[in-house]
Amino acid sequence: MERVRAAGRRVTEITLAPFDLAATTAWLGDCLSMQSDVKRLPRLAQLFQRKTGGNPSFMRQFVRHLSDKRALVFDATSHTWSAGD
């Protein structure tokens, strides 16, 4: 970044505050199309809070990690996510 600034380029920094549990729950509900899953969504949101500290960038990476490990599996027919094997 310093080299970019030194070259005379304009740099805009964006700081994201961590999500609280309510925001994490809403984000996961939207991201995973789980808004109506009142049983699993709160537990999943708590897990994400513990593992990512509410950091939006880490949460996105954690979804990818769980998907890669098949702990979260997307069903293209029903357009839903579920716990994997």
Protein backbone atom coordinates (compact mmCIF):
# COMPACT_ATOMS: atom_id res chain seq x y z
CA MET A 1 0.00 0.00 0.00
CA GLU A 2 2.78 2.39 0.83
CA ARG A 3 4.30 1.94 -2.63
CA VAL A 4 0.93 2.70 -4.20
CA ARG A 5 0.61 5.84 -2.10
CA ALA A 6 4.20 6.82 -2.84
CA ALA A 7 3.42 6.52 -6.55
CA GLY A 8 0.77 9.19 -6.07
CA ARG A 9 -2.20 6.87 -6.36
CA ARG A 10 -5.26 7.43 -4.25
CA VAL A 11 -5.93 4.65 -1.74
CA THR A 12 -9.23 4.18 0.03
CA GLU A 13 -9.21 1.95 3.08
CA ILE A 14 -12.35 0.25 4.29
CA THR A 15 -12.48 -1.10 7.81
CA LEU A 16 -15.12 -3.70 8.56
CA ALA A 17 -16.20 -4.10 12.15
CA PRO A 18 -16.86 -7.64 13.35
CA PHE A 19 -20.43 -8.87 13.05
CA ASP A 20 -22.33 -9.49 16.26
CA LEU A 21 -24.31 -12.71 16.67
CA ALA A 22 -27.47 -11.22 15.14
CA ALA A 23 -25.59 -10.00 12.06
CA THR A 24 -23.77 -13.33 11.74
CA THR A 25 -27.10 -15.16 11.93
CA ALA A 26 -28.63 -12.90 9.27
CA TRP A 27 -25.56 -13.21 7.01
CA LEU A 28 -25.55 -17.01 7.24
CA GLY A 29 -29.30 -17.18 6.71
CA ASP A 30 -28.92 -15.18 3.50
CA CYS A 31 -25.70 -16.81 2.35
CA LEU A 32 -26.88 -20.37 2.93
CA SER A 33 -30.61 -19.81 2.27
CA MET A 34 -31.38 -21.02 5.78
CA GLN A 35 -33.55 -18.16 7.07
CA SER A 36 -36.38 -20.53 7.98
CA ASP A 37 -34.18 -23.13 9.70
CA VAL A 38 -34.76 -21.92 13.25
CA LYS A 39 -33.18 -25.03 14.73
CA ARG A 40 -29.83 -25.21 12.92
CA LEU A 41 -29.17 -21.58 11.99
CA PRO A 42 -28.62 -20.22 15.53
CA ARG A 43 -26.21 -23.07 16.37
CA LEU A 44 -24.32 -22.54 13.13
CA ALA A 45 -24.12 -18.79 13.79
CA GLN A 46 -22.67 -19.43 17.25
CA LEU A 47 -20.06 -21.74 15.72
CA PHE A 48 -19.14 -19.09 13.17
CA GLN A 49 -18.84 -16.46 15.91
CA ARG A 50 -16.48 -18.70 17.88
CA LYS A 51 -14.35 -19.66 14.88
CA THR A 52 -14.19 -16.29 13.08
CA GLY A 53 -14.77 -13.69 15.78
CA GLY A 54 -17.45 -12.23 13.51
CA ASN A 55 -14.91 -11.15 10.89
CA PRO A 56 -16.86 -11.07 7.59
CA SER A 57 -13.81 -12.07 5.53
CA PHE A 58 -13.06 -15.02 7.79
CA MET A 59 -16.71 -16.08 7.74
CA ARG A 60 -16.65 -16.30 3.95
CA GLN A 61 -13.44 -18.34 4.11
CA PHE A 62 -14.95 -20.59 6.78
CA VAL A 63 -17.97 -21.36 4.56
CA ARG A 64 -15.56 -22.30 1.78
CA HIS A 65 -13.47 -24.41 4.18
CA LEU A 66 -16.54 -26.30 5.43
CA SER A 67 -17.71 -26.82 1.87
CA ASP A 68 -14.28 -28.06 0.76
CA LYS A 69 -14.24 -30.51 3.68
CA ARG A 70 -17.82 -31.55 2.78
CA ALA A 71 -19.01 -30.51 6.24
CA LEU A 72 -21.48 -28.24 4.41
CA VAL A 73 -22.97 -29.60 1.21
CA PHE A 74 -25.07 -27.70 -1.31
CA ASP A 75 -27.97 -29.56 -2.90
CA ALA A 76 -28.47 -28.00 -6.34
CA THR A 77 -31.90 -29.59 -6.72
CA SER A 78 -33.42 -28.13 -3.54
CA HIS A 79 -31.06 -25.10 -3.44
CA THR A 80 -30.29 -25.79 0.21
CA TRP A 81 -27.21 -26.42 2.32
CA SER A 82 -26.99 -29.26 4.78
CA ALA A 83 -24.49 -30.91 7.09
CA GLY A 84 -22.21 -33.21 5.14
CA ASP A 85 -20.84 -36.64 5.84
